Amino acid sequence: MFKRIIMLMFVMSFLVASNYPLAQNKDLAPIKLDLPKPMFVGTPTNLAVPNLEKPLGKPRPPFYAPKGTQNIALKKPVTSTDKYPVIGEISYITDGKKDAAEGYFVELGPFSQNIVIDLQKDFNLYAIVVWHYHLQARVYYDVIVQVADDAKFTKNVRTLFNNDIDNSSKQGKGKDMHYVETAEGKLIDAKGEKARYVRLLSKGSNADDLNHYIEVAVYGK
């Protein structure tokens, strides 16, 4: 009996420490993520990128949010600092298609670029998932995800993710880690923040100075 109590306490502490809800919380459910086909297997070990997180080595665990949470960015309007993409269309970013093949991604100009998604009204946001490019293992620099109350990002700006380790994008020095792009995308906890506009910044990758987006999904209610 004592061993069973210890085991139960261990399991409960694990659930609290992660995003998993306790079993009795029936108001939460895992968000539905339709993932694309992986285009490469494993993570290269020769990526000379500082502050690079280690691969999980297994599928990402489910992310729980209030029931009824869905991708509210689907088909919503997107604008960009690069009005004339090198490849593709800005609308690809919220078209729901996450494949890495040609015809599914947009290629923005070099150096620092950003995109803004207008959700068209306020939502409580729980997760943002971004697929930059997963045809091959890449690491994008200065990945910053912000939400705000206005399209120009002057009102109530909140930063949800920032791996700009030297403040080269002038949004503040970030503490988050660089990561390798995969078919799972990068999931960012939005912590229920209420906002209408979502902005994502990047500044090239270890492959070149260009910026890419396949899809951005915003899960809210």
N, C-alpha and C. Protein backbone atom coordinates (compact mmCIF):
# COMPACT_ATOMS: atom_id res chain seq x y z
N MET A 1 0.83 -1.21 0.00
CA MET A 1 0.00 0.00 0.00
C MET A 1 0.86 1.26 0.00
N PHE A 2 1.93 1.23 0.83
CA PHE A 2 2.81 2.40 0.91
C PHE A 2 3.46 2.69 -0.44
N LYS A 3 3.89 1.61 -1.15
CA LYS A 3 4.51 1.79 -2.46
C LYS A 3 3.51 2.37 -3.45
N ARG A 4 2.26 1.95 -3.38
CA ARG A 4 1.24 2.47 -4.29
C ARG A 4 0.99 3.95 -4.06
N ILE A 5 1.01 4.38 -2.80
CA ILE A 5 0.81 5.80 -2.47
C ILE A 5 1.97 6.63 -3.01
N ILE A 6 3.20 6.13 -2.84
CA ILE A 6 4.38 6.84 -3.35
C ILE A 6 4.30 6.97 -4.87
N MET A 7 3.92 5.88 -5.55
CA MET A 7 3.81 5.91 -7.00
C MET A 7 2.75 6.90 -7.45
N LEU A 8 1.61 6.94 -6.76
CA LEU A 8 0.54 7.87 -7.11
C LEU A 8 1.00 9.31 -6.93
N MET A 9 1.72 9.59 -5.86
CA MET A 9 2.24 10.94 -5.62
C MET A 9 3.21 11.34 -6.71
N PHE A 10 4.04 10.39 -7.18
CA PHE A 10 5.00 10.67 -8.25
C PHE A 10 4.28 11.02 -9.55
N VAL A 11 3.27 10.24 -9.90
CA VAL A 11 2.52 10.48 -11.14
C VAL A 11 1.82 11.84 -11.09
N MET A 12 1.22 12.17 -9.97
CA MET A 12 0.52 13.44 -9.85
C MET A 12 1.48 14.62 -9.94
N SER A 13 2.66 14.48 -9.36
CA SER A 13 3.64 15.57 -9.44
C SER A 13 4.11 15.77 -10.87
N PHE A 14 4.22 14.65 -11.64
CA PHE A 14 4.60 14.76 -13.04
C PHE A 14 3.54 15.49 -13.85
N LEU A 15 2.29 15.17 -13.60
CA LEU A 15 1.20 15.82 -14.33
C LEU A 15 1.15 17.31 -14.05
N VAL A 16 1.36 17.69 -12.83
CA VAL A 16 1.32 19.11 -12.47
C VAL A 16 2.49 19.85 -13.11
N ALA A 17 3.66 19.21 -13.15
CA ALA A 17 4.85 19.86 -13.69
C ALA A 17 4.80 20.01 -15.20
N SER A 18 4.01 19.22 -15.88
CA SER A 18 3.89 19.31 -17.33
C SER A 18 2.58 19.98 -17.69
N ASN A 19 2.27 19.97 -19.01
CA ASN A 19 1.01 20.56 -19.44
C ASN A 19 -0.16 19.61 -19.26
N TYR A 20 0.12 18.35 -18.90
CA TYR A 20 -0.97 17.40 -18.71
C TYR A 20 -1.85 17.84 -17.55
N PRO A 21 -3.17 17.84 -17.75
CA PRO A 21 -4.07 18.18 -16.65
C PRO A 21 -4.26 16.97 -15.74
N LEU A 22 -4.71 17.21 -14.54
CA LEU A 22 -5.11 16.10 -13.70
C LEU A 22 -6.34 15.44 -14.32
N ALA A 23 -6.47 14.16 -14.09
CA ALA A 23 -7.51 13.39 -14.78
C ALA A 23 -8.91 13.93 -14.53
N GLN A 24 -9.12 14.52 -13.34
CA GLN A 24 -10.47 14.98 -13.02
C GLN A 24 -10.82 16.31 -13.67
N ASN A 25 -9.87 16.97 -14.32
CA ASN A 25 -10.15 18.24 -14.99
C ASN A 25 -10.76 17.95 -16.36
N LYS A 26 -12.08 17.88 -16.41
CA LYS A 26 -12.77 17.51 -17.63
C LYS A 26 -13.00 18.70 -18.56
N ASP A 27 -12.55 19.89 -18.16
CA ASP A 27 -12.72 21.07 -19.01
C ASP A 27 -11.58 21.22 -20.01
N LEU A 28 -10.54 20.40 -19.90
CA LEU A 28 -9.39 20.48 -20.79
C LEU A 28 -9.35 19.28 -21.73
N ALA A 29 -8.75 19.51 -22.90
CA ALA A 29 -8.59 18.44 -23.88
C ALA A 29 -7.36 18.74 -24.71
N PRO A 30 -6.71 17.72 -25.27
CA PRO A 30 -5.55 17.99 -26.13
C PRO A 30 -5.97 18.70 -27.41
N ILE A 31 -5.19 19.71 -27.82
CA ILE A 31 -5.51 20.38 -29.08
C ILE A 31 -5.23 19.43 -30.23
N LYS A 32 -6.02 19.57 -31.28
CA LYS A 32 -5.90 18.68 -32.43
C LYS A 32 -4.88 19.24 -33.41
N LEU A 33 -3.78 18.52 -33.57
CA LEU A 33 -2.70 18.92 -34.47
C LEU A 33 -2.59 17.92 -35.61
N ASP A 34 -2.92 18.35 -36.83
CA ASP A 34 -2.74 17.50 -38.00
C ASP A 34 -1.34 17.76 -38.55
N LEU A 35 -0.43 16.83 -38.29
CA LEU A 35 0.97 17.02 -38.64
C LEU A 35 1.27 16.53 -40.05
N PRO A 36 2.17 17.21 -40.75
CA PRO A 36 2.56 16.77 -42.10
C PRO A 36 3.53 15.60 -42.03
N LYS A 37 3.81 15.02 -43.17
CA LYS A 37 4.75 13.91 -43.27
C LYS A 37 6.16 14.40 -42.98
N PRO A 38 6.90 13.75 -42.09
CA PRO A 38 8.30 14.14 -41.83
C PRO A 38 9.13 13.99 -43.09
N MET A 39 10.01 14.96 -43.32
CA MET A 39 10.84 14.95 -44.53
C MET A 39 12.26 14.49 -44.27
N PHE A 40 12.66 14.41 -43.01
CA PHE A 40 13.98 13.88 -42.68
C PHE A 40 13.88 13.20 -41.32
N VAL A 41 14.82 12.33 -41.05
CA VAL A 41 14.80 11.57 -39.79
C VAL A 41 16.05 11.92 -39.00
N GLY A 42 15.88 12.15 -37.71
CA GLY A 42 17.02 12.44 -36.85
C GLY A 42 17.41 13.90 -36.89
N THR A 43 18.35 14.25 -36.04
CA THR A 43 18.85 15.62 -35.95
C THR A 43 20.34 15.65 -36.20
N PRO A 44 20.80 16.44 -37.17
CA PRO A 44 22.24 16.53 -37.42
C PRO A 44 23.00 16.98 -36.17
N THR A 45 24.20 16.45 -36.01
CA THR A 45 24.98 16.79 -34.83
C THR A 45 26.04 17.85 -35.12
N ASN A 46 26.10 18.30 -36.37
CA ASN A 46 27.16 19.24 -36.75
C ASN A 46 26.63 20.66 -36.93
N LEU A 47 25.50 20.99 -36.31
CA LEU A 47 24.95 22.33 -36.41
C LEU A 47 25.68 23.24 -35.42
N ALA A 48 26.46 24.16 -35.95
CA ALA A 48 27.24 25.07 -35.10
C ALA A 48 26.39 26.27 -34.71
N VAL A 49 25.38 26.02 -33.88
CA VAL A 49 24.44 27.05 -33.46
C VAL A 49 24.48 27.15 -31.93
N PRO A 50 24.72 28.33 -31.39
CA PRO A 50 24.75 28.46 -29.93
C PRO A 50 23.37 28.33 -29.31
N ASN A 51 23.33 27.92 -28.08
CA ASN A 51 22.08 27.84 -27.31
C ASN A 51 21.03 27.00 -28.03
N LEU A 52 21.46 25.84 -28.53
CA LEU A 52 20.58 24.96 -29.30
C LEU A 52 20.02 23.88 -28.38
N GLU A 53 18.69 23.75 -28.35
CA GLU A 53 18.09 22.76 -27.48
C GLU A 53 18.30 21.35 -28.02
N LYS A 54 18.38 20.39 -27.11
CA LYS A 54 18.57 19.00 -27.50
C LYS A 54 17.25 18.45 -28.04
N PRO A 55 17.32 17.57 -29.05
CA PRO A 55 16.08 16.97 -29.57
C PRO A 55 15.41 16.12 -28.50
N LEU A 56 14.09 16.10 -28.54
CA LEU A 56 13.33 15.35 -27.56
C LEU A 56 13.51 13.84 -27.73
N GLY A 57 13.72 13.44 -28.98
CA GLY A 57 13.96 12.03 -29.25
C GLY A 57 12.70 11.18 -29.28
N LYS A 58 11.56 11.81 -29.20
CA LYS A 58 10.28 11.11 -29.24
C LYS A 58 9.20 12.13 -29.61
N PRO A 59 8.01 11.68 -29.98
CA PRO A 59 6.95 12.64 -30.32
C PRO A 59 6.64 13.59 -29.17
N ARG A 60 6.30 14.81 -29.52
CA ARG A 60 5.95 15.81 -28.51
C ARG A 60 4.70 15.37 -27.76
N PRO A 61 4.66 15.52 -26.45
CA PRO A 61 3.45 15.12 -25.71
C PRO A 61 2.27 16.01 -26.06
N PRO A 62 1.05 15.55 -25.86
CA PRO A 62 -0.13 16.36 -26.15
C PRO A 62 -0.12 17.67 -25.37
N PHE A 63 -0.68 18.71 -25.98
CA PHE A 63 -0.81 20.01 -25.31
C PHE A 63 -2.28 20.22 -24.98
N TYR A 64 -2.57 20.45 -23.73
CA TYR A 64 -3.94 20.57 -23.27
C TYR A 64 -4.39 22.03 -23.18
N ALA A 65 -5.64 22.26 -23.57
CA ALA A 65 -6.24 23.59 -23.54
C ALA A 65 -7.74 23.41 -23.28
N PRO A 66 -8.45 24.49 -22.96
CA PRO A 66 -9.90 24.36 -22.73
C PRO A 66 -10.61 23.73 -23.93
N LYS A 67 -11.59 22.90 -23.65
CA LYS A 67 -12.36 22.28 -24.72
C LYS A 67 -12.96 23.35 -25.63
N GLY A 68 -12.97 23.07 -26.91
CA GLY A 68 -13.48 24.02 -27.88
C GLY A 68 -12.39 24.87 -28.51
N THR A 69 -11.15 24.74 -28.01
CA THR A 69 -10.02 25.46 -28.59
C THR A 69 -9.75 24.92 -30.00
N GLN A 70 -9.55 25.82 -30.95
CA GLN A 70 -9.29 25.40 -32.32
C GLN A 70 -8.36 26.39 -33.00
N ASN A 71 -7.94 26.06 -34.22
CA ASN A 71 -7.04 26.94 -34.98
C ASN A 71 -7.82 28.12 -35.53
N ILE A 72 -7.74 29.24 -34.84
CA ILE A 72 -8.49 30.43 -35.23
C ILE A 72 -7.76 31.27 -36.27
N ALA A 73 -6.54 30.88 -36.64
CA ALA A 73 -5.78 31.61 -37.66
C ALA A 73 -6.09 31.12 -39.07
N LEU A 74 -6.79 29.99 -39.18
CA LEU A 74 -7.05 29.40 -40.49
C LEU A 74 -7.78 30.37 -41.40
N LYS A 75 -7.17 30.64 -42.57
CA LYS A 75 -7.71 31.52 -43.62
C LYS A 75 -7.76 33.01 -43.21
N LYS A 76 -7.17 33.35 -42.07
CA LYS A 76 -7.18 34.75 -41.63
C LYS A 76 -6.12 35.54 -42.41
N PRO A 77 -6.33 36.86 -42.59
CA PRO A 77 -5.40 37.68 -43.37
C PRO A 77 -4.03 37.82 -42.71
N VAL A 78 -3.00 37.84 -43.57
CA VAL A 78 -1.62 37.96 -43.12
C VAL A 78 -0.93 39.09 -43.90
N THR A 79 -0.14 39.87 -43.20
CA THR A 79 0.69 40.88 -43.85
C THR A 79 2.15 40.61 -43.50
N SER A 80 3.05 41.22 -44.26
CA SER A 80 4.48 40.98 -44.04
C SER A 80 5.29 42.22 -44.35
N THR A 81 6.47 42.31 -43.75
CA THR A 81 7.39 43.39 -44.08
C THR A 81 7.92 43.24 -45.50
N ASP A 82 7.89 42.04 -46.04
CA ASP A 82 8.25 41.79 -47.43
C ASP A 82 6.97 41.63 -48.24
N LYS A 83 6.59 42.68 -48.95
CA LYS A 83 5.34 42.67 -49.70
C LYS A 83 5.42 41.87 -50.99
N TYR A 84 6.64 41.57 -51.43
CA TYR A 84 6.82 40.84 -52.68
C TYR A 84 7.74 39.64 -52.43
N PRO A 85 7.19 38.55 -51.91
CA PRO A 85 8.00 37.38 -51.57
C PRO A 85 8.80 36.84 -52.76
N VAL A 86 9.95 36.28 -52.45
CA VAL A 86 10.79 35.68 -53.48
C VAL A 86 10.09 34.47 -54.09
N ILE A 87 9.48 33.66 -53.23
CA ILE A 87 8.75 32.45 -53.66
C ILE A 87 7.44 32.39 -52.89
N GLY A 88 6.37 32.00 -53.56
CA GLY A 88 5.11 31.75 -52.88
C GLY A 88 4.31 33.00 -52.56
N GLU A 89 3.24 32.82 -51.81
CA GLU A 89 2.32 33.88 -51.45
C GLU A 89 2.18 33.96 -49.93
N ILE A 90 1.96 35.15 -49.41
CA ILE A 90 1.80 35.35 -47.98
C ILE A 90 0.60 34.54 -47.45
N SER A 91 -0.41 34.39 -48.28
CA SER A 91 -1.62 33.67 -47.85
C SER A 91 -1.35 32.20 -47.52
N TYR A 92 -0.22 31.65 -48.00
CA TYR A 92 0.12 30.26 -47.68
C TYR A 92 0.21 30.05 -46.16
N ILE A 93 0.55 31.10 -45.43
CA ILE A 93 0.88 30.98 -44.01
C ILE A 93 -0.31 30.54 -43.18
N THR A 94 -1.52 30.83 -43.63
CA THR A 94 -2.71 30.43 -42.87
C THR A 94 -3.68 29.60 -43.72
N ASP A 95 -3.15 28.89 -44.72
CA ASP A 95 -4.05 28.11 -45.60
C ASP A 95 -4.30 26.70 -45.09
N GLY A 96 -3.67 26.33 -43.98
CA GLY A 96 -3.89 25.02 -43.39
C GLY A 96 -3.01 23.91 -43.95
N LYS A 97 -2.17 24.21 -44.93
CA LYS A 97 -1.32 23.20 -45.57
C LYS A 97 0.10 23.28 -45.00
N LYS A 98 0.59 22.16 -44.49
CA LYS A 98 1.85 22.16 -43.75
C LYS A 98 2.96 21.36 -44.42
N ASP A 99 2.73 20.86 -45.62
CA ASP A 99 3.76 20.09 -46.31
C ASP A 99 4.97 20.97 -46.62
N ALA A 100 6.14 20.33 -46.72
CA ALA A 100 7.37 21.09 -46.93
C ALA A 100 7.75 21.22 -48.40
N ALA A 101 7.02 20.56 -49.29
CA ALA A 101 7.38 20.57 -50.70
C ALA A 101 7.18 21.95 -51.32
N GLU A 102 7.76 22.13 -52.49
CA GLU A 102 7.62 23.40 -53.21
C GLU A 102 6.14 23.64 -53.52
N GLY A 103 5.71 24.89 -53.36
CA GLY A 103 4.32 25.23 -53.57
C GLY A 103 3.54 25.36 -52.29
N TYR A 104 4.20 25.06 -51.16
CA TYR A 104 3.53 25.14 -49.86
C TYR A 104 4.16 26.18 -48.94
N PHE A 105 5.32 26.71 -49.30
CA PHE A 105 5.98 27.66 -48.42
C PHE A 105 6.20 29.01 -49.12
N VAL A 106 6.33 30.04 -48.31
CA VAL A 106 6.63 31.37 -48.81
C VAL A 106 8.05 31.73 -48.38
N GLU A 107 8.79 32.32 -49.28
CA GLU A 107 10.17 32.73 -48.99
C GLU A 107 10.25 34.25 -48.97
N LEU A 108 10.53 34.79 -47.80
CA LEU A 108 10.67 36.24 -47.63
C LEU A 108 12.12 36.65 -47.81
N GLY A 109 12.33 37.93 -47.98
CA GLY A 109 13.66 38.47 -48.23
C GLY A 109 14.64 38.23 -47.10
N PRO A 110 15.88 38.69 -47.28
CA PRO A 110 16.93 38.41 -46.30
C PRO A 110 16.84 39.28 -45.05
N PHE A 111 17.62 38.85 -44.07
CA PHE A 111 17.77 39.56 -42.80
C PHE A 111 16.44 39.59 -42.03
N SER A 112 16.20 40.61 -41.25
CA SER A 112 15.04 40.61 -40.35
C SER A 112 13.74 40.88 -41.11
N GLN A 113 12.78 39.96 -40.95
CA GLN A 113 11.45 40.10 -41.55
C GLN A 113 10.42 39.67 -40.52
N ASN A 114 9.19 40.17 -40.70
CA ASN A 114 8.12 39.70 -39.81
C ASN A 114 6.81 39.56 -40.56
N ILE A 115 5.92 38.78 -39.97
CA ILE A 115 4.56 38.64 -40.49
C ILE A 115 3.59 38.96 -39.36
N VAL A 116 2.40 39.44 -39.71
CA VAL A 116 1.36 39.75 -38.74
C VAL A 116 0.06 39.07 -39.18
N ILE A 117 -0.52 38.30 -38.29
CA ILE A 117 -1.81 37.66 -38.54
C ILE A 117 -2.90 38.42 -37.81
N ASP A 118 -3.93 38.83 -38.53
CA ASP A 118 -5.08 39.51 -37.94
C ASP A 118 -6.17 38.47 -37.69
N LEU A 119 -6.41 38.18 -36.43
CA LEU A 119 -7.44 37.21 -36.06
C LEU A 119 -8.85 37.79 -36.17
N GLN A 120 -8.93 39.10 -36.46
CA GLN A 120 -10.16 39.83 -36.75
C GLN A 120 -11.04 40.11 -35.53
N LYS A 121 -10.74 39.52 -34.40
CA LYS A 121 -11.35 39.89 -33.13
C LYS A 121 -10.52 39.28 -32.01
N ASP A 122 -10.78 39.69 -30.80
CA ASP A 122 -10.02 39.19 -29.66
C ASP A 122 -10.36 37.74 -29.34
N PHE A 123 -9.33 36.98 -29.03
CA PHE A 123 -9.48 35.60 -28.58
C PHE A 123 -8.56 35.37 -27.39
N ASN A 124 -8.91 34.39 -26.58
CA ASN A 124 -7.96 33.89 -25.60
C ASN A 124 -7.10 32.85 -26.30
N LEU A 125 -5.79 33.07 -26.31
CA LEU A 125 -4.86 32.23 -27.06
C LEU A 125 -4.17 31.24 -26.12
N TYR A 126 -4.07 29.99 -26.56
CA TYR A 126 -3.48 28.96 -25.73
C TYR A 126 -2.20 28.37 -26.31
N ALA A 127 -2.09 28.32 -27.62
CA ALA A 127 -0.88 27.80 -28.24
C ALA A 127 -0.72 28.38 -29.63
N ILE A 128 0.53 28.60 -30.01
CA ILE A 128 0.87 29.02 -31.37
C ILE A 128 1.90 28.04 -31.90
N VAL A 129 1.62 27.48 -33.09
CA VAL A 129 2.53 26.50 -33.68
C VAL A 129 3.01 27.05 -35.02
N VAL A 130 4.33 27.09 -35.21
CA VAL A 130 4.89 27.65 -36.44
C VAL A 130 5.76 26.61 -37.14
N TRP A 131 5.54 26.49 -38.45
CA TRP A 131 6.39 25.68 -39.31
C TRP A 131 7.11 26.64 -40.25
N HIS A 132 8.39 26.85 -40.04
CA HIS A 132 9.15 27.70 -40.96
C HIS A 132 9.51 26.94 -42.23
N TYR A 133 10.17 25.79 -42.04
CA TYR A 133 10.66 25.00 -43.18
C TYR A 133 11.19 23.69 -42.64
N HIS A 134 10.64 22.57 -43.08
CA HIS A 134 11.09 21.30 -42.54
C HIS A 134 11.47 20.29 -43.62
N LEU A 135 11.84 20.80 -44.80
CA LEU A 135 12.32 19.91 -45.85
C LEU A 135 13.70 19.36 -45.48
N GLN A 136 14.44 20.16 -44.72
CA GLN A 136 15.73 19.75 -44.18
C GLN A 136 15.91 20.39 -42.82
N ALA A 137 16.84 19.85 -42.04
CA ALA A 137 17.05 20.37 -40.69
C ALA A 137 17.68 21.77 -40.75
N ARG A 138 16.95 22.74 -40.23
CA ARG A 138 17.44 24.11 -40.20
C ARG A 138 17.16 24.73 -38.84
N VAL A 139 17.93 25.76 -38.54
CA VAL A 139 17.71 26.54 -37.33
C VAL A 139 17.54 27.99 -37.74
N TYR A 140 16.39 28.57 -37.43
CA TYR A 140 16.13 29.98 -37.75
C TYR A 140 16.51 30.85 -36.56
N TYR A 141 17.05 32.01 -36.89
CA TYR A 141 17.55 32.92 -35.86
C TYR A 141 16.53 33.99 -35.50
N ASP A 142 16.67 34.51 -34.29
CA ASP A 142 15.83 35.61 -33.81
C ASP A 142 14.34 35.31 -34.01
N VAL A 143 13.95 34.11 -33.65
CA VAL A 143 12.53 33.75 -33.71
C VAL A 143 11.83 34.39 -32.52
N ILE A 144 10.91 35.28 -32.82
CA ILE A 144 10.19 36.02 -31.78
C ILE A 144 8.71 35.96 -32.09
N VAL A 145 7.90 35.63 -31.10
CA VAL A 145 6.45 35.56 -31.26
C VAL A 145 5.81 36.50 -30.25
N GLN A 146 5.00 37.43 -30.77
CA GLN A 146 4.38 38.45 -29.93
C GLN A 146 2.89 38.56 -30.24
N VAL A 147 2.13 39.06 -29.29
CA VAL A 147 0.72 39.38 -29.50
C VAL A 147 0.49 40.81 -29.04
N ALA A 148 -0.54 41.44 -29.62
CA ALA A 148 -0.82 42.84 -29.28
C ALA A 148 -2.27 43.17 -29.60
N ASP A 149 -2.68 44.37 -29.20
CA ASP A 149 -4.06 44.82 -29.41
C ASP A 149 -4.23 45.60 -30.71
N ASP A 150 -3.11 45.96 -31.38
CA ASP A 150 -3.20 46.71 -32.63
C ASP A 150 -2.21 46.16 -33.64
N ALA A 151 -2.51 46.43 -34.92
CA ALA A 151 -1.73 45.85 -36.01
C ALA A 151 -0.30 46.40 -36.07
N LYS A 152 -0.08 47.59 -35.53
CA LYS A 152 1.26 48.19 -35.56
C LYS A 152 2.09 47.79 -34.35
N PHE A 153 1.51 47.04 -33.45
CA PHE A 153 2.18 46.54 -32.26
C PHE A 153 2.75 47.69 -31.41
N THR A 154 1.82 48.57 -31.06
CA THR A 154 2.16 49.66 -30.14
C THR A 154 1.36 49.58 -28.85
N LYS A 155 0.32 48.73 -28.81
CA LYS A 155 -0.57 48.65 -27.65
C LYS A 155 -0.55 47.26 -27.02
N ASN A 156 -0.19 47.21 -25.77
CA ASN A 156 -0.26 45.98 -24.98
C ASN A 156 0.49 44.83 -25.65
N VAL A 157 1.73 45.08 -26.04
CA VAL A 157 2.56 44.08 -26.70
C VAL A 157 3.10 43.09 -25.66
N ARG A 158 2.91 41.80 -25.93
CA ARG A 158 3.42 40.76 -25.05
C ARG A 158 4.23 39.77 -25.86
N THR A 159 5.41 39.44 -25.37
CA THR A 159 6.30 38.50 -26.05
C THR A 159 6.13 37.11 -25.45
N LEU A 160 5.77 36.15 -26.29
CA LEU A 160 5.54 34.78 -25.84
C LEU A 160 6.75 33.89 -26.03
N PHE A 161 7.61 34.25 -26.99
CA PHE A 161 8.81 33.45 -27.29
C PHE A 161 9.85 34.38 -27.89
N ASN A 162 11.12 34.19 -27.49
CA ASN A 162 12.19 35.04 -28.02
C ASN A 162 13.52 34.32 -27.84
N ASN A 163 14.14 33.90 -28.96
CA ASN A 163 15.47 33.29 -28.87
C ASN A 163 16.54 34.17 -29.51
N ASP A 164 16.27 35.48 -29.57
CA ASP A 164 17.26 36.46 -30.03
C ASP A 164 18.24 36.70 -28.88
N ILE A 165 19.35 35.96 -28.89
CA ILE A 165 20.24 35.96 -27.73
C ILE A 165 21.09 37.22 -27.60
N ASP A 166 21.12 38.06 -28.65
CA ASP A 166 21.95 39.27 -28.57
C ASP A 166 21.18 40.55 -28.88
N ASN A 167 19.84 40.46 -28.91
CA ASN A 167 18.98 41.62 -29.18
C ASN A 167 19.26 42.27 -30.53
N SER A 168 19.64 41.48 -31.51
CA SER A 168 19.93 42.04 -32.83
C SER A 168 18.67 42.46 -33.57
N SER A 169 17.51 41.94 -33.15
CA SER A 169 16.24 42.34 -33.76
C SER A 169 15.53 43.44 -32.99
N LYS A 170 16.18 43.95 -31.93
CA LYS A 170 15.70 45.12 -31.18
C LYS A 170 14.34 44.91 -30.53
N GLN A 171 14.07 43.69 -30.11
CA GLN A 171 12.83 43.40 -29.38
C GLN A 171 13.13 42.94 -27.95
N GLY A 172 14.36 43.15 -27.54
CA GLY A 172 14.79 42.68 -26.23
C GLY A 172 15.57 41.39 -26.35
N LYS A 173 16.46 41.16 -25.43
CA LYS A 173 17.27 39.95 -25.42
C LYS A 173 16.42 38.77 -24.96
N GLY A 174 16.41 37.71 -25.75
CA GLY A 174 15.58 36.56 -25.44
C GLY A 174 16.30 35.51 -24.63
N LYS A 175 15.52 34.71 -23.90
CA LYS A 175 16.07 33.64 -23.07
C LYS A 175 15.70 32.26 -23.59
N ASP A 176 14.88 32.19 -24.64
CA ASP A 176 14.50 30.90 -25.19
C ASP A 176 15.62 30.34 -26.07
N MET A 177 15.56 29.05 -26.33
CA MET A 177 16.64 28.38 -27.04
C MET A 177 16.36 28.27 -28.53
N HIS A 178 17.43 28.19 -29.32
CA HIS A 178 17.29 27.85 -30.72
C HIS A 178 16.81 26.40 -30.83
N TYR A 179 16.19 26.06 -31.95
CA TYR A 179 15.67 24.71 -32.13
C TYR A 179 15.74 24.32 -33.60
N VAL A 180 15.76 23.03 -33.85
CA VAL A 180 15.81 22.50 -35.21
C VAL A 180 14.39 22.34 -35.73
N GLU A 181 14.14 22.82 -36.94
CA GLU A 181 12.82 22.70 -37.55
C GLU A 181 12.49 21.23 -37.83
N THR A 182 11.27 20.82 -37.50
CA THR A 182 10.79 19.47 -37.80
C THR A 182 9.35 19.55 -38.28
N ALA A 183 8.82 18.42 -38.71
CA ALA A 183 7.43 18.36 -39.18
C ALA A 183 6.43 18.64 -38.06
N GLU A 184 6.86 18.52 -36.80
CA GLU A 184 5.96 18.81 -35.68
C GLU A 184 5.71 20.31 -35.52
N GLY A 185 6.59 21.14 -36.10
CA GLY A 185 6.49 22.57 -35.87
C GLY A 185 6.94 22.92 -34.46
N LYS A 186 7.07 24.21 -34.19
CA LYS A 186 7.44 24.68 -32.85
C LYS A 186 6.18 25.13 -32.14
N LEU A 187 5.85 24.47 -31.03
CA LEU A 187 4.66 24.83 -30.26
C LEU A 187 5.06 25.79 -29.14
N ILE A 188 4.37 26.92 -29.08
CA ILE A 188 4.64 27.95 -28.08
C ILE A 188 3.41 28.13 -27.21
N ASP A 189 3.59 28.04 -25.94
CA ASP A 189 2.50 28.20 -24.97
C ASP A 189 2.10 29.67 -24.90
N ALA A 190 0.85 29.98 -25.27
CA ALA A 190 0.36 31.36 -25.26
C ALA A 190 -0.27 31.74 -23.93
N LYS A 191 -0.42 30.78 -23.03
CA LYS A 191 -0.82 31.01 -21.64
C LYS A 191 -2.15 31.75 -21.49
N GLY A 192 -3.04 31.61 -22.47
CA GLY A 192 -4.36 32.22 -22.35
C GLY A 192 -4.41 33.71 -22.60
N GLU A 193 -3.32 34.29 -23.12
CA GLU A 193 -3.30 35.74 -23.39
C GLU A 193 -4.42 36.13 -24.35
N LYS A 194 -5.06 37.25 -24.08
CA LYS A 194 -6.13 37.74 -24.94
C LYS A 194 -5.58 38.75 -25.93
N ALA A 195 -5.81 38.51 -27.22
CA ALA A 195 -5.25 39.39 -28.25
C ALA A 195 -5.95 39.17 -29.58
N ARG A 196 -5.77 40.14 -30.47
CA ARG A 196 -6.30 40.03 -31.83
C ARG A 196 -5.18 39.80 -32.85
N TYR A 197 -4.01 40.36 -32.60
CA TYR A 197 -2.93 40.32 -33.57
C TYR A 197 -1.77 39.46 -33.07
N VAL A 198 -1.20 38.67 -33.99
CA VAL A 198 -0.05 37.83 -33.69
C VAL A 198 1.07 38.19 -34.66
N ARG A 199 2.26 38.44 -34.11
CA ARG A 199 3.40 38.79 -34.96
C ARG A 199 4.53 37.78 -34.74
N LEU A 200 5.14 37.35 -35.84
CA LEU A 200 6.29 36.46 -35.79
C LEU A 200 7.45 37.08 -36.54
N LEU A 201 8.61 37.10 -35.91
CA LEU A 201 9.81 37.65 -36.51
C LEU A 201 10.85 36.56 -36.69
N SER A 202 11.74 36.75 -37.65
CA SER A 202 12.89 35.87 -37.83
C SER A 202 13.96 36.63 -38.59
N LYS A 203 15.17 36.09 -38.56
CA LYS A 203 16.32 36.77 -39.18
C LYS A 203 17.23 35.77 -39.85
N GLY A 204 16.70 35.09 -40.87
CA GLY A 204 17.48 34.10 -41.59
C GLY A 204 17.69 32.83 -40.79
N SER A 205 18.49 31.94 -41.36
CA SER A 205 18.75 30.65 -40.72
C SER A 205 20.21 30.28 -40.88
N ASN A 206 20.57 29.12 -40.37
CA ASN A 206 21.94 28.66 -40.54
C ASN A 206 22.23 28.28 -41.99
N ALA A 207 21.18 28.18 -42.84
CA ALA A 207 21.35 27.84 -44.24
C ALA A 207 21.62 29.06 -45.11
N ASP A 208 20.88 30.16 -44.85
CA ASP A 208 21.06 31.40 -45.61
C ASP A 208 20.36 32.53 -44.87
N ASP A 209 20.34 33.72 -45.49
CA ASP A 209 19.76 34.90 -44.85
C ASP A 209 18.27 35.07 -45.11
N LEU A 210 17.67 34.16 -45.87
CA LEU A 210 16.26 34.28 -46.22
C LEU A 210 15.37 33.73 -45.11
N ASN A 211 14.10 34.10 -45.16
CA ASN A 211 13.13 33.70 -44.13
C ASN A 211 11.99 32.93 -44.79
N HIS A 212 11.55 31.86 -44.15
CA HIS A 212 10.53 31.00 -44.73
C HIS A 212 9.40 30.73 -43.74
N TYR A 213 8.21 30.55 -44.29
CA TYR A 213 7.05 30.11 -43.51
C TYR A 213 6.25 29.13 -44.34
N ILE A 214 5.89 28.03 -43.72
CA ILE A 214 4.96 27.08 -44.33
C ILE A 214 3.57 27.31 -43.76
N GLU A 215 3.48 27.39 -42.44
CA GLU A 215 2.17 27.55 -41.79
C GLU A 215 2.36 28.09 -40.38
N VAL A 216 1.37 28.86 -39.95
CA VAL A 216 1.27 29.27 -38.55
C VAL A 216 -0.16 28.97 -38.10
N ALA A 217 -0.28 28.19 -37.04
CA ALA A 217 -1.58 27.88 -36.46
C ALA A 217 -1.68 28.54 -35.09
N VAL A 218 -2.80 29.18 -34.83
CA VAL A 218 -3.03 29.85 -33.54
C VAL A 218 -4.23 29.20 -32.89
N TYR A 219 -4.01 28.56 -31.76
CA TYR A 219 -5.10 27.85 -31.09
C TYR A 219 -5.69 28.71 -29.98
N GLY A 220 -6.97 29.03 -30.15
CA GLY A 220 -7.61 29.91 -29.19
C GLY A 220 -9.10 29.62 -29.08
N LYS A 221 -9.76 30.45 -28.30
CA LYS A 221 -11.18 30.26 -28.04
C LYS A 221 -11.80 31.60 -27.68
